[in-house]
Amino acid sequence: MGQKVSPIGMRVGVIRDWESRWFAEKEYGTLLQEDIKIRECLFEELKDAEVSRIEIERSKNSVQLFIKTARPGAIIGQDGERVEALKKKVEQIVDGKRLNIKVVEIANPDLDARLVARSIADQLEGRASFRTVQKRAIQKTMRSGAKGIKTLVSGRLGGTDIARSEGYSEGVVPLHTIRADIDFAHEGALTTYGILGVKVWICRGEVLKGEMVKEPEAPKYNVPRTRRRYPRRDSSRRDTRSRSAAVENKKEVAE
């Protein structure tokens, strides 16, 4: 029954860390509700910012939020105006505790299951073909270095009367291997025929025993020319100067 278990929940405490990191006794229920309200508020406010997840750390009198996103500039805003507005809204939920918001850029959005699922859902809402959208997402993810990916779209596909599911996969997605770093997410696409469910599993490799999954840091500088994926065109051209020099040498020898 490995395919019925959440790949993330099964790996928490083994190779994945908790998204909420704090300890409480009598206030556990209250703080848990606060976490839910914080995430609902931020996901609603940041629909356009491609937010993957929100991690929450608490101490006695402070709350720290880590917002993982592919577009940090959309959250920070001009001169930090938007993040300050978000801070004021969240402060109403945490009841006067000291709040700190840290925006973390995702290095490779194509390897993040939530962002891939949201991208598929957005295209389905734009009436794109569910087959084309899934195949395109799989190609992009595999090009980005994934070991495997599986997608599944469920609902009234193509406007049919009977709901069904159709999915595609490429590479390996070992759900039973606990050390496998598998990211999972599900999203909903609101179409004219009803809601379509989108699920995405991405395998990003394996994590060694005793280690935790670490998010790669986003580059803080432009990639140098020598490390670009494709070579420059002039690298394949012939050296015209060396050829002309060889012709001149032949003429001298002939004379």
Protein backbone atom coordinates (compact mmCIF):
# COMPACT_ATOMS: atom_id res chain seq x y z
CA MET A 1 0.00 0.00 0.00
CA GLY A 2 2.96 2.31 -0.46
CA GLN A 3 1.18 4.23 -3.21
CA LYS A 4 -1.60 5.19 -0.76
CA VAL A 5 0.72 6.83 1.79
CA SER A 6 1.80 10.46 1.56
CA PRO A 7 5.46 10.32 0.43
CA ILE A 8 6.21 13.42 2.51
CA GLY A 9 4.56 12.25 5.75
CA MET A 10 6.25 8.85 5.55
CA ARG A 11 9.70 10.50 5.36
CA VAL A 12 9.27 13.17 8.05
CA GLY A 13 11.78 12.56 10.82
CA VAL A 14 13.85 10.24 8.61
CA ILE A 15 15.16 12.35 5.73
CA ARG A 16 12.74 15.32 5.87
CA ASP A 17 12.31 17.92 8.58
CA TRP A 18 8.98 19.18 9.93
CA GLU A 19 7.47 22.29 8.35
CA SER A 20 6.38 23.52 11.80
CA ARG A 21 9.18 23.43 14.37
CA TRP A 22 8.14 24.23 17.94
CA PHE A 23 7.11 22.58 21.20
CA ALA A 24 4.06 23.25 23.37
CA GLU A 25 1.96 21.49 26.00
CA LYS A 26 -1.32 23.18 26.95
CA GLU A 27 -1.22 25.63 24.03
CA TYR A 28 -0.64 22.97 21.39
CA GLY A 29 -4.13 23.22 19.86
CA THR A 30 -4.07 27.02 19.80
CA LEU A 31 -0.65 27.18 18.15
CA LEU A 32 -1.63 24.54 15.61
CA GLN A 33 -4.66 26.61 14.61
CA GLU A 34 -2.41 29.67 14.32
CA ASP A 35 -0.10 27.79 11.94
CA ILE A 36 -3.06 26.80 9.75
CA LYS A 37 -4.39 30.38 9.67
CA ILE A 38 -0.93 31.78 8.86
CA ARG A 39 -0.50 29.43 5.90
CA GLU A 40 -4.03 30.05 4.62
CA CYS A 41 -3.51 33.82 4.84
CA LEU A 42 -0.14 33.82 3.09
CA PHE A 43 -1.10 31.37 0.33
CA GLU A 44 -4.19 33.49 -0.38
CA GLU A 45 -2.22 36.76 -0.47
CA LEU A 46 0.68 35.32 -2.51
CA LYS A 47 -1.13 33.51 -5.30
CA ASP A 48 1.01 35.27 -7.90
CA ALA A 49 4.36 34.67 -6.17
CA GLU A 50 4.78 30.90 -6.84
CA VAL A 51 5.08 29.96 -3.17
CA SER A 52 6.01 26.31 -2.60
CA ARG A 53 5.71 26.03 1.18
CA ILE A 54 5.86 28.01 4.40
CA GLU A 55 7.96 26.81 7.34
CA ILE A 56 7.25 28.10 10.85
CA GLU A 57 9.63 28.23 13.81
CA ARG A 58 8.49 29.38 17.24
CA SER A 59 10.24 30.33 20.46
CA LYS A 60 8.71 31.69 23.66
CA ASN A 61 7.83 35.18 22.40
CA SER A 62 8.71 35.13 18.70
CA VAL A 63 7.60 33.55 15.44
CA GLN A 64 9.83 33.15 12.39
CA LEU A 65 8.44 32.37 8.94
CA PHE A 66 10.45 30.95 6.03
CA ILE A 67 8.62 31.47 2.73
CA LYS A 68 10.03 29.22 -0.03
CA THR A 69 9.28 30.80 -3.40
CA ALA A 70 10.46 30.91 -7.00
CA ARG A 71 9.81 34.67 -7.21
CA PRO A 72 11.20 36.41 -4.11
CA GLY A 73 10.90 39.83 -5.72
CA ALA A 74 7.12 39.43 -5.98
CA ILE A 75 6.91 38.90 -2.19
CA ILE A 76 9.35 41.58 -1.11
CA GLY A 77 7.92 44.25 -3.39
CA GLN A 78 9.38 47.67 -4.08
CA ASP A 79 11.51 48.76 -1.11
CA GLY A 80 10.02 45.91 0.94
CA GLU A 81 6.50 47.38 0.92
CA ARG A 82 4.65 44.14 0.26
CA VAL A 83 6.48 42.07 2.87
CA GLU A 84 5.74 44.77 5.46
CA ALA A 85 2.04 44.64 4.56
CA LEU A 86 2.11 40.84 4.95
CA LYS A 87 3.83 41.20 8.29
CA LYS A 88 1.05 43.43 9.61
CA LYS A 89 -1.62 40.91 8.59
CA VAL A 90 0.19 37.97 10.17
CA GLU A 91 0.83 39.92 13.39
CA GLN A 92 -2.94 40.01 13.91
CA ILE A 93 -2.95 36.20 13.90
CA VAL A 94 0.05 35.62 16.21
CA ASP A 95 -1.39 37.97 18.87
CA GLY A 96 1.41 40.49 19.33
CA LYS A 97 4.39 38.13 19.29
CA ARG A 98 7.59 39.30 17.64
CA LEU A 99 7.42 38.27 13.99
CA ASN A 100 10.19 37.83 11.44
CA ILE A 101 9.62 36.88 7.79
CA LYS A 102 12.45 35.46 5.70
CA VAL A 103 12.01 34.93 1.97
CA VAL A 104 14.00 31.98 0.56
CA GLU A 105 14.45 31.57 -3.18
CA ILE A 106 14.01 28.10 -4.69
CA ALA A 107 17.05 27.24 -6.79
CA ASN A 108 15.25 25.07 -9.37
CA PRO A 109 11.44 25.48 -9.54
CA ASP A 110 11.13 22.61 -12.05
CA LEU A 111 12.16 20.16 -9.28
CA ASP A 112 9.50 21.40 -6.85
CA ALA A 113 6.34 19.26 -6.94
CA ARG A 114 3.98 21.99 -5.73
CA LEU A 115 5.15 24.50 -8.34
CA VAL A 116 4.94 21.89 -11.11
CA ALA A 117 1.43 20.87 -10.00
CA ARG A 118 0.32 24.51 -9.80
CA SER A 119 1.72 25.15 -13.28
CA ILE A 120 -0.26 22.20 -14.68
CA ALA A 121 -3.43 23.37 -12.90
CA ASP A 122 -3.07 26.92 -14.24
CA GLN A 123 -2.71 25.64 -17.80
CA LEU A 124 -5.75 23.36 -17.38
CA GLU A 125 -7.76 26.37 -16.20
CA GLY A 126 -6.65 28.06 -19.42
CA ARG A 127 -8.26 25.15 -21.36
CA ALA A 128 -5.00 23.51 -22.43
CA SER A 129 -4.93 19.80 -23.27
CA PHE A 130 -4.39 17.68 -20.14
CA ARG A 131 -2.15 15.29 -22.09
CA THR A 132 0.06 17.99 -23.60
CA VAL A 133 0.39 19.82 -20.29
CA GLN A 134 1.55 16.70 -18.42
CA LYS A 135 4.04 15.64 -21.09
CA ARG A 136 5.53 19.13 -21.27
CA ALA A 137 5.92 19.28 -17.47
CA ILE A 138 7.62 15.86 -17.44
CA GLN A 139 10.11 16.93 -20.11
CA LYS A 140 11.03 20.13 -18.26
CA THR A 141 11.47 18.32 -14.95
CA MET A 142 13.65 15.56 -16.39
CA ARG A 143 15.82 18.14 -18.17
CA SER A 144 16.33 19.88 -14.82
CA GLY A 145 18.00 16.79 -13.35
CA ALA A 146 15.19 14.77 -11.77
CA LYS A 147 15.60 10.99 -11.45
CA GLY A 148 11.92 10.45 -12.16
CA ILE A 149 8.49 12.07 -12.21
CA LYS A 150 4.89 10.88 -12.19
CA THR A 151 1.81 13.02 -12.86
CA LEU A 152 -1.91 12.27 -12.54
CA VAL A 153 -4.93 14.35 -13.56
CA SER A 154 -8.39 13.24 -12.38
CA GLY A 155 -11.90 14.48 -13.13
CA ARG A 156 -14.09 15.09 -16.16
CA LEU A 157 -11.21 15.06 -18.61
CA GLY A 158 -12.14 16.71 -21.89
CA GLY A 159 -15.65 17.39 -20.57
CA THR A 160 -16.76 13.74 -20.54
CA ASP A 161 -19.76 12.73 -18.42
CA ILE A 162 -17.85 10.08 -16.47
CA ALA A 163 -14.85 11.13 -14.41
CA ARG A 164 -11.60 9.25 -14.89
CA SER A 165 -7.88 9.56 -14.25
CA GLU A 166 -4.99 9.73 -16.67
CA GLY A 167 -1.33 10.07 -15.83
CA TYR A 168 2.17 9.75 -17.23
CA SER A 169 5.55 8.89 -15.76
CA GLU A 170 9.21 8.86 -16.70
CA GLY A 171 12.29 7.63 -14.86
CA VAL A 172 12.08 6.02 -11.41
CA VAL A 173 9.84 7.06 -8.50
CA PRO A 174 10.52 4.48 -5.71
CA LEU A 175 7.73 5.19 -3.19
CA HIS A 176 8.80 2.31 -0.90
CA THR A 177 12.43 3.46 -0.62
CA ILE A 178 12.53 5.69 2.45
CA ARG A 179 15.93 7.18 1.59
CA ALA A 180 14.60 8.35 -1.79
CA ASP A 181 14.01 12.10 -1.83
CA ILE A 182 10.48 12.21 -3.24
CA ASP A 183 8.53 15.46 -3.34
CA PHE A 184 4.73 15.24 -3.63
CA ALA A 185 1.98 17.82 -4.10
CA HIS A 186 -1.65 18.01 -5.19
CA GLU A 187 -3.55 20.99 -6.59
CA GLY A 188 -7.00 21.68 -7.97
CA ALA A 189 -7.87 23.23 -11.34
CA LEU A 190 -11.24 24.99 -11.55
CA THR A 191 -12.52 24.39 -15.10
CA THR A 192 -15.88 24.86 -16.81
CA TYR A 193 -16.55 21.11 -16.37
CA GLY A 194 -15.76 21.10 -12.65
CA ILE A 195 -12.63 20.70 -10.56
CA LEU A 196 -9.75 18.60 -11.89
CA GLY A 197 -7.32 17.12 -9.38
CA VAL A 198 -3.60 17.31 -10.19
CA LYS A 199 -1.00 15.16 -8.40
CA VAL A 200 2.76 15.24 -8.96
CA TRP A 201 5.52 12.99 -7.60
CA ILE A 202 9.16 13.96 -8.26
CA CYS A 203 12.19 11.84 -7.32
CA ARG A 204 15.29 13.98 -6.81
CA GLY A 205 17.74 11.21 -5.90
CA GLU A 206 18.66 9.51 -2.63
CA VAL A 207 19.70 10.88 0.76
CA LEU A 208 22.48 9.11 2.69
CA LYS A 209 21.76 7.58 6.09
CA GLY A 210 21.75 10.09 8.94
CA GLU A 211 21.31 13.10 6.66
CA MET A 212 18.33 15.31 5.91
CA VAL A 213 17.07 16.73 2.64
CA LYS A 214 18.80 20.06 1.99
CA GLU A 215 17.45 22.61 -0.42
CA PRO A 216 20.11 23.86 -2.84
CA GLU A 217 20.72 27.58 -2.58
CA ALA A 218 19.71 29.75 -5.50
CA PRO A 219 22.64 31.30 -7.39
CA LYS A 220 23.39 34.88 -6.39
CA TYR A 221 25.19 35.71 -9.61
CA ASN A 222 24.88 35.10 -13.34
CA VAL A 223 26.22 31.83 -14.72
CA PRO A 224 29.59 32.49 -16.43
CA ARG A 225 29.93 31.88 -20.15
CA THR A 226 32.21 28.88 -19.66
CA ARG A 227 29.47 27.04 -17.73
CA ARG A 228 26.61 27.65 -20.11
CA ARG A 229 24.73 24.63 -21.36
CA TYR A 230 25.28 25.16 -25.06
CA PRO A 231 28.63 26.12 -26.68
CA ARG A 232 29.02 29.34 -28.60
CA ARG A 233 28.54 29.14 -32.33
CA ASP A 234 32.01 30.43 -33.15
CA SER A 235 33.57 27.51 -31.22
CA SER A 236 32.69 25.19 -34.12
CA ARG A 237 33.94 27.50 -36.85
CA ARG A 238 37.25 26.89 -38.55
CA ASP A 239 40.20 29.12 -37.70
CA THR A 240 40.43 31.18 -40.89
CA ARG A 241 43.71 32.82 -39.91
CA SER A 242 45.51 29.51 -39.39
CA ARG A 243 44.20 28.25 -42.74
CA SER A 244 45.44 31.33 -44.58
CA ALA A 245 48.84 30.97 -42.87
CA ALA A 246 49.07 27.36 -44.07
CA VAL A 247 48.30 28.46 -47.64
CA GLU A 248 51.09 31.06 -47.52
CA ASN A 249 53.57 28.46 -46.23
CA LYS A 250 52.72 26.17 -49.15
CA LYS A 251 53.36 29.00 -51.61
CA GLU A 252 56.76 29.72 -50.07
CA VAL A 253 57.75 26.04 -50.26
CA ALA A 254 56.64 25.88 -53.91
CA GLU A 255 58.72 28.94 -54.78
